[in-house]
Amino acid sequence: MDEASINSLWAWVATAGLAVITVITRAFFLIPRRDLPLPEWFKRGLRYAPLAALTAVIAPQIAMTDGALVSTWLDARLPAVLCATLFFIYKRGILGTIGIGMAVYLPLRLGLGW
C-alpha cells in the first residue's frame, strides 16, 4: 500500500471511531431501562450547564479580536453587549435582548466601521 492509501485508511478509521464514541456518549442516558439516580446537588448543577456553555462560546467572541483582548472602546461589540444586558435586566426576554444587541451592533459596525 502506498502512503496516500494508508493516510486515507487512517482517516476512515478515525472517523468511524469518533462516530462510535459520539453515539455512545450521546445515548448513554437513553440506554438504561430506568432512571439513573443522581444526587440532588448534581441535578441543581445541570440547570446551569446551558448558560455556562453559552458563556464559554460567546465571551471570547465579545472580549477578544485575533487572540488578543479588545484594546479600544471603539468596538461595536462592547456597546451592543451593554445595551443587550441592560435590556435583559429590565425585560428578561431573550428575543428582545438579541434584537437590541443587533440593533446597536449593526449600525456601529456597518455605518461607522467600528
C-alpha atoms as a PDB file:
ATOM      1  CA  MET A   1       0.000   0.000   0.000  1.00  0.00           C
ATOM      2  CA  ASP A   2       1.232   3.466  -0.791  1.00  0.00           C
ATOM      3  CA  GLU A   3       1.289   6.340   1.706  1.00  0.00           C
ATOM      4  CA  ALA A   4      -1.860   8.030   0.344  1.00  0.00           C
ATOM      5  CA  SER A   5      -3.880   4.826   0.821  1.00  0.00           C
ATOM      6  CA  ILE A   6      -2.624   4.405   4.372  1.00  0.00           C
ATOM      7  CA  ASN A   7      -3.499   8.018   5.206  1.00  0.00           C
ATOM      8  CA  SER A   8      -6.947   7.548   3.696  1.00  0.00           C
ATOM      9  CA  LEU A   9      -7.455   4.343   5.684  1.00  0.00           C
ATOM     10  CA  TRP A  10      -6.458   6.067   8.939  1.00  0.00           C
ATOM     11  CA  ALA A  11      -8.848   8.931   8.163  1.00  0.00           C
ATOM     12  CA  TRP A  12     -11.726   6.444   7.759  1.00  0.00           C
ATOM     13  CA  VAL A  13     -10.758   4.583  10.934  1.00  0.00           C
ATOM     14  CA  ALA A  14     -10.577   7.840  12.898  1.00  0.00           C
ATOM     15  CA  THR A  15     -13.936   8.998  11.528  1.00  0.00           C
ATOM     16  CA  ALA A  16     -15.600   5.688  12.375  1.00  0.00           C
ATOM     17  CA  GLY A  17     -14.084   5.727  15.862  1.00  0.00           C
ATOM     18  CA  LEU A  18     -15.299   9.264  16.508  1.00  0.00           C
ATOM     19  CA  ALA A  19     -18.768   8.332  15.255  1.00  0.00           C
ATOM     20  CA  VAL A  20     -18.938   5.360  17.634  1.00  0.00           C
ATOM     21  CA  ILE A  21     -17.749   7.453  20.587  1.00  0.00           C
ATOM     22  CA  THR A  22     -20.289  10.168  19.752  1.00  0.00           C
ATOM     23  CA  VAL A  23     -23.189   7.726  19.558  1.00  0.00           C
ATOM     24  CA  ILE A  24     -22.219   6.034  22.829  1.00  0.00           C
ATOM     25  CA  THR A  25     -21.783   9.276  24.784  1.00  0.00           C
ATOM     26  CA  ARG A  26     -24.988  10.846  23.457  1.00  0.00           C
ATOM     27  CA  ALA A  27     -27.033   7.695  24.008  1.00  0.00           C
ATOM     28  CA  PHE A  28     -25.584   6.999  27.460  1.00  0.00           C
ATOM     29  CA  PHE A  29     -28.668   8.282  29.281  1.00  0.00           C
ATOM     30  CA  LEU A  30     -31.061   6.554  26.860  1.00  0.00           C
ATOM     31  CA  ILE A  31     -29.632   3.044  27.269  1.00  0.00           C
ATOM     32  CA  PRO A  32     -30.751   2.224  30.856  1.00  0.00           C
ATOM     33  CA  ARG A  33     -34.329   0.978  31.282  1.00  0.00           C
ATOM     34  CA  ARG A  34     -34.883   3.039  34.434  1.00  0.00           C
ATOM     35  CA  ASP A  35     -33.795   6.498  35.530  1.00  0.00           C
ATOM     36  CA  LEU A  36     -30.293   6.795  36.867  1.00  0.00           C
ATOM     37  CA  PRO A  37     -30.226   8.014  40.469  1.00  0.00           C
ATOM     38  CA  LEU A  38     -28.485  11.380  40.510  1.00  0.00           C
ATOM     39  CA  PRO A  39     -27.611  13.344  43.624  1.00  0.00           C
ATOM     40  CA  GLU A  40     -29.699  16.465  44.165  1.00  0.00           C
ATOM     41  CA  TRP A  41     -26.636  18.743  44.009  1.00  0.00           C
ATOM     42  CA  PHE A  42     -25.828  17.299  40.571  1.00  0.00           C
ATOM     43  CA  LYS A  43     -29.366  17.956  39.300  1.00  0.00           C
ATOM     44  CA  ARG A  44     -29.166  21.554  40.524  1.00  0.00           C
ATOM     45  CA  GLY A  45     -25.834  21.979  38.782  1.00  0.00           C
ATOM     46  CA  LEU A  46     -27.185  20.680  35.478  1.00  0.00           C
ATOM     47  CA  ARG A  47     -29.609  23.621  35.333  1.00  0.00           C
ATOM     48  CA  TYR A  48     -26.641  25.949  34.791  1.00  0.00           C
ATOM     49  CA  ALA A  49     -24.889  23.865  32.123  1.00  0.00           C
ATOM     50  CA  PRO A  50     -26.531  25.536  29.084  1.00  0.00           C
ATOM     51  CA  LEU A  51     -25.757  29.017  30.424  1.00  0.00           C
ATOM     52  CA  ALA A  52     -22.149  28.037  31.167  1.00  0.00           C
ATOM     53  CA  ALA A  53     -21.709  26.565  27.682  1.00  0.00           C
ATOM     54  CA  LEU A  54     -23.205  29.643  26.028  1.00  0.00           C
ATOM     55  CA  THR A  55     -20.971  31.930  28.075  1.00  0.00           C
ATOM     56  CA  ALA A  56     -17.894  29.889  27.186  1.00  0.00           C
ATOM     57  CA  VAL A  57     -18.676  30.273  23.485  1.00  0.00           C
ATOM     58  CA  ILE A  58     -19.785  33.913  23.399  1.00  0.00           C
ATOM     59  CA  ALA A  59     -17.478  35.609  25.934  1.00  0.00           C
ATOM     60  CA  PRO A  60     -14.277  35.168  23.898  1.00  0.00           C
ATOM     61  CA  GLN A  61     -16.089  36.455  20.795  1.00  0.00           C
ATOM     62  CA  ILE A  62     -17.026  39.626  22.664  1.00  0.00           C
ATOM     63  CA  ALA A  63     -13.792  40.309  24.537  1.00  0.00           C
ATOM     64  CA  MET A  64     -11.152  39.204  22.020  1.00  0.00           C
ATOM     65  CA  THR A  65     -10.001  40.009  18.494  1.00  0.00           C
ATOM     66  CA  ASP A  66      -7.425  37.812  16.760  1.00  0.00           C
ATOM     67  CA  GLY A  67      -6.492  36.148  20.051  1.00  0.00           C
ATOM     68  CA  ALA A  68      -5.905  39.393  21.962  1.00  0.00           C
ATOM     69  CA  LEU A  69      -8.178  41.343  24.280  1.00  0.00           C
ATOM     70  CA  VAL A  70     -10.094  44.224  22.728  1.00  0.00           C
ATOM     71  CA  SER A  71      -7.838  47.247  23.146  1.00  0.00           C
ATOM     72  CA  THR A  72     -10.202  50.084  22.223  1.00  0.00           C
ATOM     73  CA  TRP A  73     -13.632  51.267  23.262  1.00  0.00           C
ATOM     74  CA  LEU A  74     -14.432  51.855  19.578  1.00  0.00           C
ATOM     75  CA  ASP A  75     -15.549  48.288  19.110  1.00  0.00           C
ATOM     76  CA  ALA A  76     -19.208  47.803  18.181  1.00  0.00           C
ATOM     77  CA  ARG A  77     -19.491  44.673  20.304  1.00  0.00           C
ATOM     78  CA  LEU A  78     -18.997  46.480  23.616  1.00  0.00           C
ATOM     79  CA  PRO A  79     -21.924  48.960  23.404  1.00  0.00           C
ATOM     80  CA  ALA A  80     -24.090  46.225  21.884  1.00  0.00           C
ATOM     81  CA  VAL A  81     -23.406  43.898  24.815  1.00  0.00           C
ATOM     82  CA  LEU A  82     -24.020  46.705  27.305  1.00  0.00           C
ATOM     83  CA  CYS A  83     -27.381  47.635  25.744  1.00  0.00           C
ATOM     84  CA  ALA A  84     -28.447  44.000  25.408  1.00  0.00           C
ATOM     85  CA  THR A  85     -27.508  43.311  29.034  1.00  0.00           C
ATOM     86  CA  LEU A  86     -29.460  46.326  30.283  1.00  0.00           C
ATOM     87  CA  PHE A  87     -32.470  45.275  28.210  1.00  0.00           C
ATOM     88  CA  PHE A  88     -32.318  41.750  29.625  1.00  0.00           C
ATOM     89  CA  ILE A  89     -32.094  43.037  33.199  1.00  0.00           C
ATOM     90  CA  TYR A  90     -35.131  45.269  32.567  1.00  0.00           C
ATOM     91  CA  LYS A  91     -37.384  42.939  30.494  1.00  0.00           C
ATOM     92  CA  ARG A  92     -35.983  39.375  30.947  1.00  0.00           C
ATOM     93  CA  GLY A  93     -36.663  38.496  27.300  1.00  0.00           C
ATOM     94  CA  ILE A  94     -34.154  36.599  25.179  1.00  0.00           C
ATOM     95  CA  LEU A  95     -35.521  37.561  21.748  1.00  0.00           C
ATOM     96  CA  GLY A  96     -35.609  41.258  22.647  1.00  0.00           C
ATOM     97  CA  THR A  97     -32.090  41.011  24.060  1.00  0.00           C
ATOM     98  CA  ILE A  98     -30.805  39.624  20.767  1.00  0.00           C
ATOM     99  CA  GLY A  99     -32.761  42.238  18.812  1.00  0.00           C
ATOM    100  CA  ILE A 100     -31.450  45.159  20.877  1.00  0.00           C
ATOM    101  CA  GLY A 101     -27.891  43.859  20.696  1.00  0.00           C
ATOM    102  CA  MET A 102     -28.036  43.564  16.924  1.00  0.00           C
ATOM    103  CA  ALA A 103     -29.844  46.922  16.558  1.00  0.00           C
ATOM    104  CA  VAL A 104     -26.915  48.587  18.323  1.00  0.00           C
ATOM    105  CA  TYR A 105     -24.160  46.457  16.786  1.00  0.00           C
ATOM    106  CA  LEU A 106     -25.070  46.676  13.087  1.00  0.00           C
ATOM    107  CA  PRO A 107     -25.222  50.487  12.711  1.00  0.00           C
ATOM    108  CA  LEU A 108     -21.976  50.879  14.641  1.00  0.00           C
ATOM    109  CA  ARG A 109     -20.213  48.146  12.683  1.00  0.00           C
ATOM    110  CA  LEU A 110     -21.593  48.834   9.199  1.00  0.00           C
ATOM    111  CA  GLY A 111     -22.339  52.549   9.486  1.00  0.00           C
ATOM    112  CA  LEU A 112     -19.366  53.815  11.484  1.00  0.00           C
ATOM    113  CA  GLY A 113     -16.945  50.993  10.727  1.00  0.00           C
ATOM    114  CA  TRP A 114     -16.167  50.271  14.368  1.00  0.00           C
END
